[in-house]
Amino acid sequence: MTDYPEQGSASIRVDAAPEVVWALIADITRMGEWSPECVKAEWVGDASGPAVDAPFRGYNKAGTYEWNLPCVVTASEPGRLFEFEAPSEGKVRTRWRFELTPDGDGSHLTESFDAPMINVDGAAANFDGRYEMLVEAIGRTVANIKAAAEA
């Protein structure tokens, strides 16, 4: 078995306050606008916003492969941090994290992932090039969030 890197990140400066950027990121119903893999996401059950433990379902597509997963918000600090895990249950989860810090009159945005599923034998995420796809995707995601926040 090949051991692929499991963690990656992308950062960008945004000419908008951290609170403005966070509001875009934490509205998971808009994640499909930012991410090249996420088609859409929707709150489930009684969840209607980015509170810790709020469940949602993410619908994704990479190439011809499509999947959806139950997800859960694991950290939510307005203007500073938004994080979730997918799937919401099980031993092996992928963590997606968005961190914001003030940067002059704007923000510094970092998206990161920890994707141990890449190294699970037989997992759909275990294929050559998957790590590179994830790194490229988060680079595009932060660029799309920047464009929306600055518009």
Foldseek 3Di string as FASTA:
>chain_A
DDDDAQKDKDKDWALAALLLLLVQVFQQQCLCQQFPFWVGKDFDDPDDTQDFQGKIKTWTDDPHDTDIAIKTWHDDDRSAKTKIWTRHDDDFIKIWIWGWDDDPNTIMIMIMIGGPLCPDPPRPCPDPPSVVVVNVRNNRRVVSSRVVSRD
